[in-house]
Amino acid sequence: MGIEIEIHWNALTDSALRSKYYAYLEDGVTKGYMAGAAHSYWQNSGPGTFYQSCMSRDPAIREIYERTYAFIKGTYNLTARRSYREK
């Protein structure tokens, strides 16, 4: 089984889109595709949303990268998800 994870470029400026993306990741944990599927990731062209979130000094934007990294590594924790900003 495989899954494509997508993020909209406006997630960098729109908290509702970030919440939608986080719900997408959380479904991956609860439905088993975080660890039980091959992943591909889609972002806009250019430096991309993942790159921009990685380089951001804004904790709310950097959180996109932190959560995505945890998801890729299989360590995304639903009970600790609000603490990604605090790392």
C-alpha atoms as a PDB file:
ATOM      1  CA  MET A   1       0.000   0.000   0.000  1.00  0.00           C
ATOM      2  CA  GLY A   2       1.144   3.563  -0.661  1.00  0.00           C
ATOM      3  CA  ILE A   3       0.017   7.039   0.296  1.00  0.00           C
ATOM      4  CA  GLU A   4       0.715  10.501  -1.072  1.00  0.00           C
ATOM      5  CA  ILE A   5       0.924  13.238   1.545  1.00  0.00           C
ATOM      6  CA  GLU A   6       0.104  16.697   0.188  1.00  0.00           C
ATOM      7  CA  ILE A   7       0.425  20.146   1.706  1.00  0.00           C
ATOM      8  CA  HIS A   8      -0.944  23.354   0.257  1.00  0.00           C
ATOM      9  CA  TRP A   9       1.552  26.214  -0.067  1.00  0.00           C
ATOM     10  CA  ASN A  10      -0.824  28.541   1.776  1.00  0.00           C
ATOM     11  CA  ALA A  11      -0.370  26.410   4.905  1.00  0.00           C
ATOM     12  CA  LEU A  12       2.542  28.734   5.633  1.00  0.00           C
ATOM     13  CA  THR A  13       0.117  31.607   6.185  1.00  0.00           C
ATOM     14  CA  ASP A  14      -3.250  29.945   6.864  1.00  0.00           C
ATOM     15  CA  SER A  15      -3.718  28.195  10.196  1.00  0.00           C
ATOM     16  CA  ALA A  16      -6.857  26.401   8.954  1.00  0.00           C
ATOM     17  CA  LEU A  17      -4.800  24.732   6.204  1.00  0.00           C
ATOM     18  CA  ARG A  18      -2.133  23.769   8.750  1.00  0.00           C
ATOM     19  CA  SER A  19      -4.817  22.194  10.924  1.00  0.00           C
ATOM     20  CA  LYS A  20      -6.131  20.277   7.911  1.00  0.00           C
ATOM     21  CA  TYR A  21      -2.603  19.006   7.167  1.00  0.00           C
ATOM     22  CA  TYR A  22      -2.086  17.948  10.788  1.00  0.00           C
ATOM     23  CA  ALA A  23      -5.405  16.084  10.722  1.00  0.00           C
ATOM     24  CA  TYR A  24      -4.107  14.310   7.598  1.00  0.00           C
ATOM     25  CA  LEU A  25      -0.984  13.190   9.492  1.00  0.00           C
ATOM     26  CA  GLU A  26      -2.990  12.172  12.548  1.00  0.00           C
ATOM     27  CA  ASP A  27      -5.241  10.020  10.380  1.00  0.00           C
ATOM     28  CA  GLY A  28      -2.078   8.326   9.161  1.00  0.00           C
ATOM     29  CA  VAL A  29      -1.265   7.342  12.718  1.00  0.00           C
ATOM     30  CA  THR A  30      -4.752   6.083  13.591  1.00  0.00           C
ATOM     31  CA  LYS A  31      -5.420   4.370  10.245  1.00  0.00           C
ATOM     32  CA  GLY A  32      -2.006   2.734   9.999  1.00  0.00           C
ATOM     33  CA  TYR A  33      -0.487   4.399   6.971  1.00  0.00           C
ATOM     34  CA  MET A  34       2.223   6.174   8.934  1.00  0.00           C
ATOM     35  CA  ALA A  35       4.108   2.919   9.419  1.00  0.00           C
ATOM     36  CA  GLY A  36       2.287   0.530   7.103  1.00  0.00           C
ATOM     37  CA  ALA A  37       2.610   2.224   3.714  1.00  0.00           C
ATOM     38  CA  ALA A  38       5.130   3.640   1.278  1.00  0.00           C
ATOM     39  CA  HIS A  39       5.046   7.445   1.368  1.00  0.00           C
ATOM     40  CA  SER A  40       5.398  10.108  -1.275  1.00  0.00           C
ATOM     41  CA  TYR A  41       5.173  13.811  -0.495  1.00  0.00           C
ATOM     42  CA  TRP A  42       3.845  16.597  -2.680  1.00  0.00           C
ATOM     43  CA  GLN A  43       4.488  20.286  -2.194  1.00  0.00           C
ATOM     44  CA  ASN A  44       4.524  23.297  -4.475  1.00  0.00           C
ATOM     45  CA  SER A  45       7.470  24.045  -6.742  1.00  0.00           C
ATOM     46  CA  GLY A  46      10.327  26.342  -5.815  1.00  0.00           C
ATOM     47  CA  PRO A  47      11.897  25.905  -2.420  1.00  0.00           C
ATOM     48  CA  GLY A  48       8.633  24.315  -1.334  1.00  0.00           C
ATOM     49  CA  THR A  49       6.519  24.344   1.774  1.00  0.00           C
ATOM     50  CA  PHE A  50       8.586  21.734   3.601  1.00  0.00           C
ATOM     51  CA  TYR A  51      11.837  23.598   2.950  1.00  0.00           C
ATOM     52  CA  GLN A  52      10.334  26.932   3.946  1.00  0.00           C
ATOM     53  CA  SER A  53       8.896  25.475   7.141  1.00  0.00           C
ATOM     54  CA  CYS A  54      12.242  23.877   7.984  1.00  0.00           C
ATOM     55  CA  MET A  55      14.036  27.202   7.619  1.00  0.00           C
ATOM     56  CA  SER A  56      11.388  29.302   9.386  1.00  0.00           C
ATOM     57  CA  ARG A  57      12.056  31.028  12.696  1.00  0.00           C
ATOM     58  CA  ASP A  58       8.316  31.267  13.347  1.00  0.00           C
ATOM     59  CA  PRO A  59       7.429  28.380  15.694  1.00  0.00           C
ATOM     60  CA  ALA A  60       3.968  27.919  14.138  1.00  0.00           C
ATOM     61  CA  ILE A  61       5.531  27.483  10.676  1.00  0.00           C
ATOM     62  CA  ARG A  62       8.485  25.400  11.868  1.00  0.00           C
ATOM     63  CA  GLU A  63       5.937  23.046  13.423  1.00  0.00           C
ATOM     64  CA  ILE A  64       4.950  21.902   9.917  1.00  0.00           C
ATOM     65  CA  TYR A  65       8.475  20.561   9.458  1.00  0.00           C
ATOM     66  CA  GLU A  66       8.698  19.088  12.967  1.00  0.00           C
ATOM     67  CA  ARG A  67       5.444  17.160  12.630  1.00  0.00           C
ATOM     68  CA  THR A  68       6.252  15.981   9.110  1.00  0.00           C
ATOM     69  CA  TYR A  69       9.683  14.767  10.255  1.00  0.00           C
ATOM     70  CA  ALA A  70       8.143  12.849  13.157  1.00  0.00           C
ATOM     71  CA  PHE A  71       5.588  11.305  10.793  1.00  0.00           C
ATOM     72  CA  ILE A  72       8.293  10.212   8.331  1.00  0.00           C
ATOM     73  CA  LYS A  73      10.387   8.713  11.152  1.00  0.00           C
ATOM     74  CA  GLY A  74       7.328   6.912  12.561  1.00  0.00           C
ATOM     75  CA  THR A  75       7.493   8.794  15.856  1.00  0.00           C
ATOM     76  CA  TYR A  76       4.474  11.083  15.469  1.00  0.00           C
ATOM     77  CA  ASN A  77       2.779  10.902  18.841  1.00  0.00           C
ATOM     78  CA  LEU A  78      -0.881  11.898  19.075  1.00  0.00           C
ATOM     79  CA  THR A  79      -0.722  12.575  22.799  1.00  0.00           C
ATOM     80  CA  ALA A  80       2.332  14.813  22.468  1.00  0.00           C
ATOM     81  CA  ARG A  81       1.365  16.542  19.217  1.00  0.00           C
ATOM     82  CA  ARG A  82       0.931  19.958  20.837  1.00  0.00           C
ATOM     83  CA  SER A  83       4.508  19.854  22.154  1.00  0.00           C
ATOM     84  CA  TYR A  84       6.197  19.903  18.725  1.00  0.00           C
ATOM     85  CA  ARG A  85       6.262  23.695  18.936  1.00  0.00           C
ATOM     86  CA  GLU A  86       8.142  23.547  22.222  1.00  0.00           C
ATOM     87  CA  LYS A  87      11.137  21.522  20.978  1.00  0.00           C
END
